[in-house]
PDB file of N, CA and C in Angstrom:
ATOM      1  N   UNK A   1     215.591 253.298 166.921  1.00  0.00           N
ATOM      2  CA  UNK A   1     214.829 253.046 165.790  1.00  0.00           C
ATOM      3  C   UNK A   1     213.363 252.589 166.118  1.00  0.00           C
ATOM      4  N   UNK A   2     212.522 253.155 165.438  1.00  0.00           N
ATOM      5  CA  UNK A   2     211.072 252.875 165.787  1.00  0.00           C
ATOM      6  C   UNK A   2     210.701 251.598 165.071  1.00  0.00           C
ATOM      7  N   UNK A   3     209.846 250.790 165.803  1.00  0.00           N
ATOM      8  CA  UNK A   3     209.380 249.626 165.288  1.00  0.00           C
ATOM      9  C   UNK A   3     207.984 249.774 164.624  1.00  0.00           C
ATOM     10  N   UNK A   4     207.826 249.392 163.418  1.00  0.00           N
ATOM     11  CA  UNK A   4     206.621 249.432 162.713  1.00  0.00           C
ATOM     12  C   UNK A   4     205.646 248.314 163.157  1.00  0.00           C
ATOM     13  N   UNK A   5     204.296 248.423 162.924  1.00  0.00           N
ATOM     14  CA  UNK A   5     203.345 247.429 163.270  1.00  0.00           C
ATOM     15  C   UNK A   5     203.706 246.150 162.542  1.00  0.00           C
ATOM     16  N   UNK A   6     204.296 246.192 161.383  1.00  0.00           N
ATOM     17  CA  UNK A   6     204.543 244.956 160.524  1.00  0.00           C
ATOM     18  C   UNK A   6     205.763 244.236 161.074  1.00  0.00           C
ATOM     19  N   UNK A   7     206.448 244.765 162.080  1.00  0.00           N
ATOM     20  CA  UNK A   7     207.725 244.262 162.547  1.00  0.00           C
ATOM     21  C   UNK A   7     208.965 244.732 162.038  1.00  0.00           C
ATOM     22  N   UNK A   8     208.880 245.622 161.117  1.00  0.00           N
ATOM     23  CA  UNK A   8     210.092 246.121 160.369  1.00  0.00           C
ATOM     24  C   UNK A   8     210.642 247.250 161.252  1.00  0.00           C
ATOM     25  N   UNK A   9     211.817 247.456 161.234  1.00  0.00           N
ATOM     26  CA  UNK A   9     212.544 248.582 161.990  1.00  0.00           C
ATOM     27  C   UNK A   9     212.965 249.571 160.912  1.00  0.00           C
ATOM     28  N   UNK A  10     212.471 250.843 161.222  1.00  0.00           N
ATOM     29  CA  UNK A  10     212.833 251.918 160.386  1.00  0.00           C
ATOM     30  C   UNK A  10     214.087 252.505 160.805  1.00  0.00           C
ATOM     31  N   UNK A  11     215.086 252.632 159.835  1.00  0.00           N
ATOM     32  CA  UNK A  11     216.398 253.172 160.047  1.00  0.00           C
ATOM     33  C   UNK A  11     216.080 254.775 159.990  1.00  0.00           C
ATOM     34  N   UNK A  12     217.068 255.514 160.522  1.00  0.00           N
ATOM     35  CA  UNK A  12     216.902 256.995 160.418  1.00  0.00           C
ATOM     36  C   UNK A  12     216.927 257.481 158.938  1.00  0.00           C
ATOM     37  N   UNK A  13     217.681 256.761 158.065  1.00  0.00           N
ATOM     38  CA  UNK A  13     217.695 257.223 156.649  1.00  0.00           C
ATOM     39  C   UNK A  13     216.357 256.907 156.018  1.00  0.00           C
ATOM     40  N   UNK A  14     215.726 255.796 156.465  1.00  0.00           N
ATOM     41  CA  UNK A  14     214.366 255.487 155.941  1.00  0.00           C
ATOM     42  C   UNK A  14     213.319 256.567 156.402  1.00  0.00           C
ATOM     43  N   UNK A  15     213.557 256.969 157.668  1.00  0.00           N
ATOM     44  CA  UNK A  15     212.593 257.958 158.177  1.00  0.00           C
ATOM     45  C   UNK A  15     212.781 259.208 157.335  1.00  0.00           C
ATOM     46  N   UNK A  16     213.948 259.594 157.021  1.00  0.00           N
ATOM     47  CA  UNK A  16     214.196 260.810 156.235  1.00  0.00           C
ATOM     48  C   UNK A  16     213.597 260.669 154.721  1.00  0.00           C
ATOM     49  N   UNK A  17     213.755 259.530 154.228  1.00  0.00           N
ATOM     50  CA  UNK A  17     213.190 259.255 152.826  1.00  0.00           C
ATOM     51  C   UNK A  17     211.638 259.337 152.915  1.00  0.00           C
ATOM     52  N   UNK A  18     210.982 258.652 153.864  1.00  0.00           N
ATOM     53  CA  UNK A  18     209.637 258.622 153.867  1.00  0.00           C
ATOM     54  C   UNK A  18     209.077 260.063 154.145  1.00  0.00           C
ATOM     55  N   UNK A  19     209.732 260.800 155.047  1.00  0.00           N
ATOM     56  CA  UNK A  19     209.388 262.121 155.362  1.00  0.00           C
ATOM     57  C   UNK A  19     209.467 263.027 154.152  1.00  0.00           C
ATOM     58  N   UNK A  20     210.563 262.857 153.414  1.00  0.00           N
ATOM     59  CA  UNK A  20     210.789 263.627 152.217  1.00  0.00           C
ATOM     60  C   UNK A  20     209.575 263.323 151.152  1.00  0.00           C
ATOM     61  N   UNK A  21     209.239 262.042 151.015  1.00  0.00           N
ATOM     62  CA  UNK A  21     208.331 261.626 150.038  1.00  0.00           C
ATOM     63  C   UNK A  21     206.961 262.217 150.438  1.00  0.00           C
ATOM     64  N   UNK A  22     206.599 262.190 151.642  1.00  0.00           N
ATOM     65  CA  UNK A  22     205.353 262.835 152.052  1.00  0.00           C
ATOM     66  C   UNK A  22     205.333 264.337 151.982  1.00  0.00           C
ATOM     67  N   UNK A  23     206.470 264.939 152.204  1.00  0.00           N
ATOM     68  CA  UNK A  23     206.559 266.391 152.060  1.00  0.00           C
ATOM     69  C   UNK A  23     206.354 266.692 150.499  1.00  0.00           C
ATOM     70  N   UNK A  24     207.059 265.943 149.661  1.00  0.00           N
ATOM     71  CA  UNK A  24     206.932 266.127 148.178  1.00  0.00           C
ATOM     72  C   UNK A  24     205.499 266.025 147.685  1.00  0.00           C
ATOM     73  N   UNK A  25     204.760 264.938 148.294  1.00  0.00           N
ATOM     74  CA  UNK A  25     203.403 264.863 147.825  1.00  0.00           C
ATOM     75  C   UNK A  25     202.509 266.031 148.398  1.00  0.00           C
ATOM     76  N   UNK A  26     202.817 266.411 149.644  1.00  0.00           N
ATOM     77  CA  UNK A  26     202.053 267.567 150.188  1.00  0.00           C
ATOM     78  C   UNK A  26     202.273 268.859 149.413  1.00  0.00           C
ATOM     79  N   UNK A  27     203.577 269.043 149.007  1.00  0.00           N
ATOM     80  CA  UNK A  27     203.820 270.234 148.153  1.00  0.00           C
ATOM     81  C   UNK A  27     203.178 270.178 146.821  1.00  0.00           C
ATOM     82  N   UNK A  28     203.126 269.046 146.246  1.00  0.00           N
ATOM     83  CA  UNK A  28     202.480 268.907 145.002  1.00  0.00           C
ATOM     84  C   UNK A  28     200.964 269.207 145.072  1.00  0.00           C
ATOM     85  N   UNK A  29     200.288 268.690 146.062  1.00  0.00           N
ATOM     86  CA  UNK A  29     198.899 268.871 146.375  1.00  0.00           C
ATOM     87  C   UNK A  29     198.630 270.382 146.680  1.00  0.00           C
ATOM     88  N   UNK A  30     199.508 270.969 147.532  1.00  0.00           N
ATOM     89  CA  UNK A  30     199.322 272.364 147.904  1.00  0.00           C
ATOM     90  C   UNK A  30     199.558 273.286 146.698  1.00  0.00           C
ATOM     91  N   UNK A  31     200.627 272.950 145.807  1.00  0.00           N
ATOM     92  CA  UNK A  31     200.886 273.778 144.707  1.00  0.00           C
ATOM     93  C   UNK A  31     199.758 273.645 143.729  1.00  0.00           C
ATOM     94  N   UNK A  32     199.133 272.515 143.591  1.00  0.00           N
ATOM     95  CA  UNK A  32     197.999 272.293 142.716  1.00  0.00           C
ATOM     96  C   UNK A  32     196.804 273.341 143.038  1.00  0.00           C
ATOM     97  N   UNK A  33     196.534 273.638 144.322  1.00  0.00           N
ATOM     98  CA  UNK A  33     195.562 274.500 144.726  1.00  0.00           C
ATOM     99  C   UNK A  33     196.169 275.943 144.818  1.00  0.00           C
ATOM    100  N   UNK A  34     197.389 276.166 145.016  1.00  0.00           N
ATOM    101  CA  UNK A  34     197.909 277.415 145.142  1.00  0.00           C
ATOM    102  C   UNK A  34     197.977 278.235 143.757  1.00  0.00           C
ATOM    103  N   UNK A  35     198.323 277.462 142.772  1.00  0.00           N
ATOM    104  CA  UNK A  35     198.522 277.979 141.393  1.00  0.00           C
ATOM    105  C   UNK A  35     197.159 277.773 140.569  1.00  0.00           C
ATOM    106  N   UNK A  36     195.960 278.179 141.177  1.00  0.00           N
ATOM    107  CA  UNK A  36     194.749 278.054 140.560  1.00  0.00           C
ATOM    108  C   UNK A  36     194.697 278.847 139.302  1.00  0.00           C
ATOM    109  N   UNK A  37     195.459 279.914 139.169  1.00  0.00           N
ATOM    110  CA  UNK A  37     195.384 280.760 137.935  1.00  0.00           C
ATOM    111  C   UNK A  37     196.021 280.151 136.724  1.00  0.00           C
ATOM    112  N   UNK A  38     196.898 279.107 136.921  1.00  0.00           N
ATOM    113  CA  UNK A  38     197.591 278.354 135.857  1.00  0.00           C
ATOM    114  C   UNK A  38     196.655 277.351 135.279  1.00  0.00           C
ATOM    115  N   UNK A  39     197.061 276.989 134.075  1.00  0.00           N
ATOM    116  CA  UNK A  39     196.274 276.013 133.256  1.00  0.00           C
ATOM    117  C   UNK A  39     196.199 274.668 134.106  1.00  0.00           C
ATOM    118  N   UNK A  40     195.129 274.032 133.928  1.00  0.00           N
ATOM    119  CA  UNK A  40     194.892 272.647 134.705  1.00  0.00           C
ATOM    120  C   UNK A  40     195.975 271.749 134.267  1.00  0.00           C
ATOM    121  N   UNK A  41     196.257 271.593 133.062  1.00  0.00           N
ATOM    122  CA  UNK A  41     197.344 270.675 132.510  1.00  0.00           C
ATOM    123  C   UNK A  41     198.674 270.928 133.312  1.00  0.00           C
ATOM    124  N   UNK A  42     199.200 272.090 133.431  1.00  0.00           N
ATOM    125  CA  UNK A  42     200.361 272.321 134.081  1.00  0.00           C
ATOM    126  C   UNK A  42     200.278 271.958 135.621  1.00  0.00           C
ATOM    127  N   UNK A  43     199.197 272.259 136.222  1.00  0.00           N
ATOM    128  CA  UNK A  43     199.091 271.850 137.639  1.00  0.00           C
ATOM    129  C   UNK A  43     199.027 270.275 137.737  1.00  0.00           C
ATOM    130  N   UNK A  44     198.268 269.646 136.931  1.00  0.00           N
ATOM    131  CA  UNK A  44     198.258 268.228 137.033  1.00  0.00           C
ATOM    132  C   UNK A  44     199.760 267.645 136.646  1.00  0.00           C
ATOM    133  N   UNK A  45     200.271 268.178 135.651  1.00  0.00           N
ATOM    134  CA  UNK A  45     201.731 267.613 135.408  1.00  0.00           C
ATOM    135  C   UNK A  45     202.627 267.841 136.599  1.00  0.00           C
ATOM    136  N   UNK A  46     202.446 269.024 137.296  1.00  0.00           N
ATOM    137  CA  UNK A  46     203.301 269.283 138.446  1.00  0.00           C
ATOM    138  C   UNK A  46     203.097 268.289 139.560  1.00  0.00           C
ATOM    139  N   UNK A  47     201.777 267.960 139.853  1.00  0.00           N
ATOM    140  CA  UNK A  47     201.531 266.948 140.867  1.00  0.00           C
ATOM    141  C   UNK A  47     201.989 265.546 140.425  1.00  0.00           C
ATOM    142  N   UNK A  48     201.789 265.220 139.228  1.00  0.00           N
ATOM    143  CA  UNK A  48     202.305 263.906 138.703  1.00  0.00           C
ATOM    144  C   UNK A  48     203.837 263.789 138.842  1.00  0.00           C
ATOM    145  N   UNK A  49     204.572 264.999 138.459  1.00  0.00           N
ATOM    146  CA  UNK A  49     205.953 264.921 138.526  1.00  0.00           C
ATOM    147  C   UNK A  49     206.459 264.811 139.946  1.00  0.00           C
ATOM    148  N   UNK A  50     205.782 265.579 140.903  1.00  0.00           N
ATOM    149  CA  UNK A  50     206.225 265.576 142.332  1.00  0.00           C
ATOM    150  C   UNK A  50     205.874 264.066 142.906  1.00  0.00           C
ATOM    151  N   UNK A  51     204.722 263.567 142.451  1.00  0.00           N
ATOM    152  CA  UNK A  51     204.418 262.191 142.915  1.00  0.00           C
ATOM    153  C   UNK A  51     205.448 261.139 142.490  1.00  0.00           C
ATOM    154  N   UNK A  52     205.852 261.367 141.256  1.00  0.00           N
ATOM    155  CA  UNK A  52     206.915 260.416 140.667  1.00  0.00           C
ATOM    156  C   UNK A  52     208.154 260.472 141.447  1.00  0.00           C
ATOM    157  N   UNK A  53     208.500 261.728 141.767  1.00  0.00           N
ATOM    158  CA  UNK A  53     209.788 261.957 142.541  1.00  0.00           C
ATOM    159  C   UNK A  53     209.637 261.346 143.920  1.00  0.00           C
ATOM    160  N   UNK A  54     208.453 261.502 144.558  1.00  0.00           N
ATOM    161  CA  UNK A  54     208.267 261.055 145.887  1.00  0.00           C
ATOM    162  C   UNK A  54     208.274 259.544 145.784  1.00  0.00           C
ATOM    163  N   UNK A  55     207.770 258.872 144.799  1.00  0.00           N
ATOM    164  CA  UNK A  55     207.763 257.418 144.724  1.00  0.00           C
ATOM    165  C   UNK A  55     209.134 256.958 144.483  1.00  0.00           C
ATOM    166  N   UNK A  56     210.058 257.678 143.785  1.00  0.00           N
ATOM    167  CA  UNK A  56     211.364 257.336 143.610  1.00  0.00           C
ATOM    168  C   UNK A  56     212.187 257.370 144.858  1.00  0.00           C
ATOM    169  N   UNK A  57     211.841 258.413 145.652  1.00  0.00           N
ATOM    170  CA  UNK A  57     212.525 258.540 146.997  1.00  0.00           C
ATOM    171  C   UNK A  57     212.019 257.530 147.902  1.00  0.00           C
ATOM    172  N   UNK A  58     210.740 257.175 147.936  1.00  0.00           N
ATOM    173  CA  UNK A  58     210.270 256.177 148.835  1.00  0.00           C
ATOM    174  C   UNK A  58     210.797 254.740 148.463  1.00  0.00           C
ATOM    175  N   UNK A  59     210.917 254.567 147.171  1.00  0.00           N
ATOM    176  CA  UNK A  59     211.382 253.204 146.730  1.00  0.00           C
ATOM    177  C   UNK A  59     212.849 253.000 147.135  1.00  0.00           C
ATOM    178  N   UNK A  60     213.540 254.096 147.507  1.00  0.00           N
ATOM    179  CA  UNK A  60     214.983 253.837 147.958  1.00  0.00           C
ATOM    180  C   UNK A  60     215.086 253.398 149.396  1.00  0.00           C
ATOM    181  N   UNK A  61     213.925 253.375 150.073  1.00  0.00           N
ATOM    182  CA  UNK A  61     213.986 252.855 151.450  1.00  0.00           C
ATOM    183  C   UNK A  61     213.961 251.298 151.508  1.00  0.00           C
ATOM    184  N   UNK A  62     214.132 250.711 152.720  1.00  0.00           N
ATOM    185  CA  UNK A  62     214.107 249.306 152.857  1.00  0.00           C
ATOM    186  C   UNK A  62     212.706 248.719 152.501  1.00  0.00           C
ATOM    187  N   UNK A  63     211.665 249.382 152.918  1.00  0.00           N
ATOM    188  CA  UNK A  63     210.370 249.033 152.517  1.00  0.00           C
ATOM    189  C   UNK A  63     210.110 249.005 151.074  1.00  0.00           C
ATOM    190  N   UNK A  64     210.754 250.130 150.452  1.00  0.00           N
ATOM    191  CA  UNK A  64     210.624 250.249 149.023  1.00  0.00           C
ATOM    192  C   UNK A  64     211.311 249.122 148.259  1.00  0.00           C
ATOM    193  N   UNK A  65     212.407 248.696 148.822  1.00  0.00           N
ATOM    194  CA  UNK A  65     213.156 247.580 148.180  1.00  0.00           C
ATOM    195  C   UNK A  65     212.383 246.275 148.353  1.00  0.00           C
ATOM    196  N   UNK A  66     211.736 246.059 149.509  1.00  0.00           N
ATOM    197  CA  UNK A  66     210.826 244.953 149.634  1.00  0.00           C
ATOM    198  C   UNK A  66     209.713 244.960 148.643  1.00  0.00           C
ATOM    199  N   UNK A  67     209.087 246.143 148.430  1.00  0.00           N
ATOM    200  CA  UNK A  67     207.992 246.272 147.509  1.00  0.00           C
ATOM    201  C   UNK A  67     208.474 245.980 146.088  1.00  0.00           C
ATOM    202  N   UNK A  68     209.664 246.509 145.688  1.00  0.00           N
ATOM    203  CA  UNK A  68     210.128 246.202 144.404  1.00  0.00           C
ATOM    204  C   UNK A  68     210.353 244.681 144.172  1.00  0.00           C
ATOM    205  N   UNK A  69     210.916 243.976 145.190  1.00  0.00           N
ATOM    206  CA  UNK A  69     211.194 242.629 145.129  1.00  0.00           C
ATOM    207  C   UNK A  69     209.836 241.927 144.979  1.00  0.00           C
ATOM    208  N   UNK A  70     208.884 242.323 145.698  1.00  0.00           N
ATOM    209  CA  UNK A  70     207.496 241.636 145.596  1.00  0.00           C
ATOM    210  C   UNK A  70     207.022 241.807 144.235  1.00  0.00           C
ATOM    211  N   UNK A  71     207.197 243.051 143.615  1.00  0.00           N
ATOM    212  CA  UNK A  71     206.656 243.178 142.307  1.00  0.00           C
ATOM    213  C   UNK A  71     207.347 242.496 141.197  1.00  0.00           C
ATOM    214  N   UNK A  72     208.681 242.255 141.435  1.00  0.00           N
ATOM    215  CA  UNK A  72     209.431 241.466 140.482  1.00  0.00           C
ATOM    216  C   UNK A  72     208.975 239.939 140.553  1.00  0.00           C
ATOM    217  N   UNK A  73     208.687 239.573 141.767  1.00  0.00           N
ATOM    218  CA  UNK A  73     208.221 238.125 142.001  1.00  0.00           C
ATOM    219  C   UNK A  73     206.839 237.886 141.414  1.00  0.00           C
ATOM    220  N   UNK A  74     206.012 238.888 141.549  1.00  0.00           N
ATOM    221  CA  UNK A  74     204.604 238.956 141.044  1.00  0.00           C
ATOM    222  C   UNK A  74     204.662 238.832 139.461  1.00  0.00           C
ATOM    223  N   UNK A  75     205.537 239.581 138.835  1.00  0.00           N
ATOM    224  CA  UNK A  75     205.768 239.538 137.420  1.00  0.00           C
ATOM    225  C   UNK A  75     206.119 238.188 136.923  1.00  0.00           C
ATOM    226  N   UNK A  76     207.029 237.598 137.696  1.00  0.00           N
ATOM    227  CA  UNK A  76     207.496 236.285 137.233  1.00  0.00           C
ATOM    228  C   UNK A  76     206.267 235.330 137.342  1.00  0.00           C
ATOM    229  N   UNK A  77     205.449 235.383 138.389  1.00  0.00           N
ATOM    230  CA  UNK A  77     204.295 234.562 138.483  1.00  0.00           C
ATOM    231  C   UNK A  77     203.246 234.753 137.385  1.00  0.00           C
ATOM    232  N   UNK A  78     203.130 236.025 136.973  1.00  0.00           N
ATOM    233  CA  UNK A  78     202.129 236.379 135.946  1.00  0.00           C
ATOM    234  C   UNK A  78     202.521 235.705 134.653  1.00  0.00           C
ATOM    235  N   UNK A  79     203.887 235.738 134.414  1.00  0.00           N
ATOM    236  CA  UNK A  79     204.336 235.055 133.168  1.00  0.00           C
ATOM    237  C   UNK A  79     204.159 233.602 133.134  1.00  0.00           C
ATOM    238  N   UNK A  80     204.060 232.959 134.300  1.00  0.00           N
ATOM    239  CA  UNK A  80     203.834 231.489 134.428  1.00  0.00           C
ATOM    240  C   UNK A  80     202.353 231.104 134.152  1.00  0.00           C
ATOM    241  N   UNK A  81     201.513 232.176 134.135  1.00  0.00           N
ATOM    242  CA  UNK A  81     200.003 231.915 134.080  1.00  0.00           C
ATOM    243  C   UNK A  81     199.702 231.344 132.669  1.00  0.00           C
ATOM    244  N   UNK A  82     198.664 230.584 132.467  1.00  0.00           N
ATOM    245  CA  UNK A  82     198.187 230.107 131.198  1.00  0.00           C
ATOM    246  C   UNK A  82     196.959 230.958 130.912  1.00  0.00           C
ATOM    247  N   UNK A  83     196.889 231.756 129.944  1.00  0.00           N
ATOM    248  CA  UNK A  83     195.868 232.505 129.690  1.00  0.00           C
ATOM    249  C   UNK A  83     194.894 231.855 128.619  1.00  0.00           C
ATOM    250  N   UNK A  84     193.619 232.072 128.797  1.00  0.00           N
ATOM    251  CA  UNK A  84     192.704 231.377 127.832  1.00  0.00           C
ATOM    252  C   UNK A  84     192.767 231.942 126.456  1.00  0.00           C
ATOM    253  N   UNK A  85     192.536 231.046 125.513  1.00  0.00           N
ATOM    254  CA  UNK A  85     192.550 231.356 124.106  1.00  0.00           C
ATOM    255  C   UNK A  85     191.273 232.188 123.770  1.00  0.00           C
ATOM    256  N   UNK A  86     191.283 232.792 122.584  1.00  0.00           N
ATOM    257  CA  UNK A  86     190.160 233.668 122.246  1.00  0.00           C
ATOM    258  C   UNK A  86     188.900 232.845 122.138  1.00  0.00           C
ATOM    259  N   UNK A  87     188.864 231.632 121.535  1.00  0.00           N
ATOM    260  CA  UNK A  87     187.616 230.868 121.452  1.00  0.00           C
ATOM    261  C   UNK A  87     187.182 230.474 122.885  1.00  0.00           C
ATOM    262  N   UNK A  88     188.051 230.102 123.776  1.00  0.00           N
ATOM    263  CA  UNK A  88     187.692 229.836 125.113  1.00  0.00           C
ATOM    264  C   UNK A  88     187.025 230.953 125.733  1.00  0.00           C
ATOM    265  N   UNK A  89     187.577 232.172 125.603  1.00  0.00           N
ATOM    266  CA  UNK A  89     187.065 233.436 126.227  1.00  0.00           C
ATOM    267  C   UNK A  89     185.656 233.745 125.712  1.00  0.00           C
ATOM    268  N   UNK A  90     185.480 233.508 124.360  1.00  0.00           N
ATOM    269  CA  UNK A  90     184.232 233.783 123.768  1.00  0.00           C
ATOM    270  C   UNK A  90     183.129 232.855 124.264  1.00  0.00           C
ATOM    271  N   UNK A  91     183.528 231.509 124.331  1.00  0.00           N
ATOM    272  CA  UNK A  91     182.613 230.486 124.847  1.00  0.00           C
ATOM    273  C   UNK A  91     182.172 230.758 126.248  1.00  0.00           C
ATOM    274  N   UNK A  92     183.150 231.075 127.078  1.00  0.00           N
ATOM    275  CA  UNK A  92     182.852 231.324 128.492  1.00  0.00           C
ATOM    276  C   UNK A  92     182.027 232.609 128.641  1.00  0.00           C
ATOM    277  N   UNK A  93     182.196 233.649 127.826  1.00  0.00           N
ATOM    278  CA  UNK A  93     181.392 234.864 127.909  1.00  0.00           C
ATOM    279  C   UNK A  93     179.995 234.561 127.378  1.00  0.00           C
ATOM    280  N   UNK A  94     179.859 233.695 126.398  1.00  0.00           N
ATOM    281  CA  UNK A  94     178.535 233.319 125.932  1.00  0.00           C
ATOM    282  C   UNK A  94     177.623 232.495 127.069  1.00  0.00           C
ATOM    283  N   UNK A  95     178.415 231.655 127.629  1.00  0.00           N
ATOM    284  CA  UNK A  95     177.741 230.886 128.769  1.00  0.00           C
ATOM    285  C   UNK A  95     177.305 231.815 129.791  1.00  0.00           C
ATOM    286  N   UNK A  96     178.149 232.785 130.311  1.00  0.00           N
ATOM    287  CA  UNK A  96     177.759 233.714 131.267  1.00  0.00           C
ATOM    288  C   UNK A  96     176.489 234.537 130.793  1.00  0.00           C
ATOM    289  N   UNK A  97     176.618 235.058 129.648  1.00  0.00           N
ATOM    290  CA  UNK A  97     175.545 235.963 128.956  1.00  0.00           C
ATOM    291  C   UNK A  97     174.250 235.112 129.024  1.00  0.00           C
ATOM    292  N   UNK A  98     174.253 233.866 128.583  1.00  0.00           N
ATOM    293  CA  UNK A  98     173.013 233.019 128.517  1.00  0.00           C
ATOM    294  C   UNK A  98     172.536 232.783 129.895  1.00  0.00           C
ATOM    295  N   UNK A  99     173.376 232.550 130.893  1.00  0.00           N
ATOM    296  CA  UNK A  99     172.954 232.298 132.237  1.00  0.00           C
ATOM    297  C   UNK A  99     172.361 233.516 132.952  1.00  0.00           C
ATOM    298  N   UNK A 100     172.846 234.759 132.582  1.00  0.00           N
ATOM    299  CA  UNK A 100     172.369 236.025 133.063  1.00  0.00           C
ATOM    300  C   UNK A 100     170.910 236.194 132.433  1.00  0.00           C
ATOM    301  N   UNK A 101     170.727 236.002 131.184  1.00  0.00           N
ATOM    302  CA  UNK A 101     169.359 236.156 130.587  1.00  0.00           C
ATOM    303  C   UNK A 101     168.428 235.225 131.174  1.00  0.00           C
ATOM    304  N   UNK A 102     168.746 233.907 131.333  1.00  0.00           N
ATOM    305  CA  UNK A 102     168.003 232.984 131.971  1.00  0.00           C
ATOM    306  C   UNK A 102     167.590 233.349 133.360  1.00  0.00           C
ATOM    307  N   UNK A 103     168.576 233.844 134.127  1.00  0.00           N
ATOM    308  CA  UNK A 103     168.250 234.266 135.517  1.00  0.00           C
ATOM    309  C   UNK A 103     167.399 235.482 135.529  1.00  0.00           C
ATOM    310  N   UNK A 104     167.593 236.460 134.687  1.00  0.00           N
ATOM    311  CA  UNK A 104     166.711 237.612 134.523  1.00  0.00           C
ATOM    312  C   UNK A 104     165.280 237.239 134.286  1.00  0.00           C
ATOM    313  N   UNK A 105     165.094 236.303 133.251  1.00  0.00           N
ATOM    314  CA  UNK A 105     163.733 235.841 132.944  1.00  0.00           C
ATOM    315  C   UNK A 105     163.048 235.135 134.133  1.00  0.00           C
ATOM    316  N   UNK A 106     163.863 234.268 134.883  1.00  0.00           N
ATOM    317  CA  UNK A 106     163.254 233.674 135.948  1.00  0.00           C
ATOM    318  C   UNK A 106     162.876 234.685 137.029  1.00  0.00           C
ATOM    319  N   UNK A 107     163.721 235.681 137.394  1.00  0.00           N
ATOM    320  CA  UNK A 107     163.412 236.556 138.389  1.00  0.00           C
ATOM    321  C   UNK A 107     162.224 237.497 137.972  1.00  0.00           C
ATOM    322  N   UNK A 108     162.045 237.786 136.758  1.00  0.00           N
ATOM    323  CA  UNK A 108     160.993 238.533 136.157  1.00  0.00           C
ATOM    324  C   UNK A 108     159.784 237.732 136.328  1.00  0.00           C
ATOM    325  N   UNK A 109     159.736 236.465 136.000  1.00  0.00           N
ATOM    326  CA  UNK A 109     158.561 235.645 136.149  1.00  0.00           C
ATOM    327  C   UNK A 109     158.165 235.447 137.632  1.00  0.00           C
ATOM    328  N   UNK A 110     159.130 235.261 138.421  1.00  0.00           N
ATOM    329  CA  UNK A 110     158.863 235.250 139.927  1.00  0.00           C
ATOM    330  C   UNK A 110     158.295 236.504 140.398  1.00  0.00           C
ATOM    331  N   UNK A 111     158.756 237.649 139.999  1.00  0.00           N
ATOM    332  CA  UNK A 111     158.168 238.875 140.372  1.00  0.00           C
ATOM    333  C   UNK A 111     156.765 239.036 139.893  1.00  0.00           C
ATOM    334  N   UNK A 112     156.471 238.618 138.645  1.00  0.00           N
ATOM    335  CA  UNK A 112     155.058 238.709 138.142  1.00  0.00           C
ATOM    336  C   UNK A 112     154.111 237.794 138.991  1.00  0.00           C
ATOM    337  N   UNK A 113     154.620 236.563 139.309  1.00  0.00           N
ATOM    338  CA  UNK A 113     153.868 235.584 140.098  1.00  0.00           C
ATOM    339  C   UNK A 113     153.661 236.160 141.383  1.00  0.00           C
ATOM    340  N   UNK A 114     154.633 236.682 142.136  1.00  0.00           N
ATOM    341  CA  UNK A 114     154.443 237.136 143.455  1.00  0.00           C
ATOM    342  C   UNK A 114     153.493 238.410 143.403  1.00  0.00           C
ATOM    343  N   UNK A 115     153.659 239.286 142.490  1.00  0.00           N
ATOM    344  CA  UNK A 115     152.825 240.392 142.295  1.00  0.00           C
ATOM    345  C   UNK A 115     151.328 240.024 142.071  1.00  0.00           C
ATOM    346  N   UNK A 116     151.053 238.958 141.278  1.00  0.00           N
ATOM    347  CA  UNK A 116     149.845 238.508 141.023  1.00  0.00           C
ATOM    348  C   UNK A 116     149.194 237.872 142.308  1.00  0.00           C
ATOM    349  N   UNK A 117     150.009 237.147 142.979  1.00  0.00           N
ATOM    350  CA  UNK A 117     149.585 236.538 144.301  1.00  0.00           C
ATOM    351  C   UNK A 117     149.209 237.456 145.373  1.00  0.00           C
ATOM    352  N   UNK A 118     150.018 238.552 145.411  1.00  0.00           N
ATOM    353  CA  UNK A 118     149.773 239.504 146.516  1.00  0.00           C
ATOM    354  C   UNK A 118     148.463 240.366 146.115  1.00  0.00           C
ATOM    355  N   UNK A 119     148.332 240.699 144.847  1.00  0.00           N
ATOM    356  CA  UNK A 119     147.167 241.320 144.370  1.00  0.00           C
ATOM    357  C   UNK A 119     145.898 240.539 144.673  1.00  0.00           C
ATOM    358  N   UNK A 120     145.985 239.155 144.345  1.00  0.00           N
ATOM    359  CA  UNK A 120     144.794 238.279 144.614  1.00  0.00           C
ATOM    360  C   UNK A 120     144.652 238.165 146.119  1.00  0.00           C
ATOM    361  N   UNK A 121     145.647 238.118 146.953  1.00  0.00           N
ATOM    362  CA  UNK A 121     145.496 237.924 148.370  1.00  0.00           C
ATOM    363  C   UNK A 121     144.870 239.186 149.064  1.00  0.00           C
ATOM    364  N   UNK A 122     145.273 240.352 148.495  1.00  0.00           N
ATOM    365  CA  UNK A 122     144.736 241.534 149.097  1.00  0.00           C
ATOM    366  C   UNK A 122     143.461 241.987 148.548  1.00  0.00           C
ATOM    367  N   UNK A 123     142.978 241.316 147.454  1.00  0.00           N
ATOM    368  CA  UNK A 123     141.646 241.538 146.894  1.00  0.00           C
ATOM    369  C   UNK A 123     141.579 242.785 146.043  1.00  0.00           C
ATOM    370  N   UNK A 124     142.677 243.013 145.360  1.00  0.00           N
ATOM    371  CA  UNK A 124     142.745 244.251 144.514  1.00  0.00           C
ATOM    372  C   UNK A 124     142.345 243.943 143.263  1.00  0.00           C
TER     373      UNK A 124
END
């Protein structure tokens, strides 16, 4: 068994799954360019279908199972989040907008001042 840099050990079945997934992706990309005379929609659908099958195959590996577990835990954490209300979002956006306008005016004035000073200094 080969040891991955992350410390995980790949079983022979996982190697087969990952190899099959990469082959499916390669076939999808090659098919996209091979069937140039076909409509773009069909070629894109073919690539998307093969990418979906490749993902399904890869998710069957041990690493895929770990990824799915991580995604489930992330979904649980997102559900625990407290999202801002509409008025809070509008107020925060307004504060950001006003701060950007003030900063833009300040930088514009600073640019004008420095431009005037350089012109005065250089005698133009």
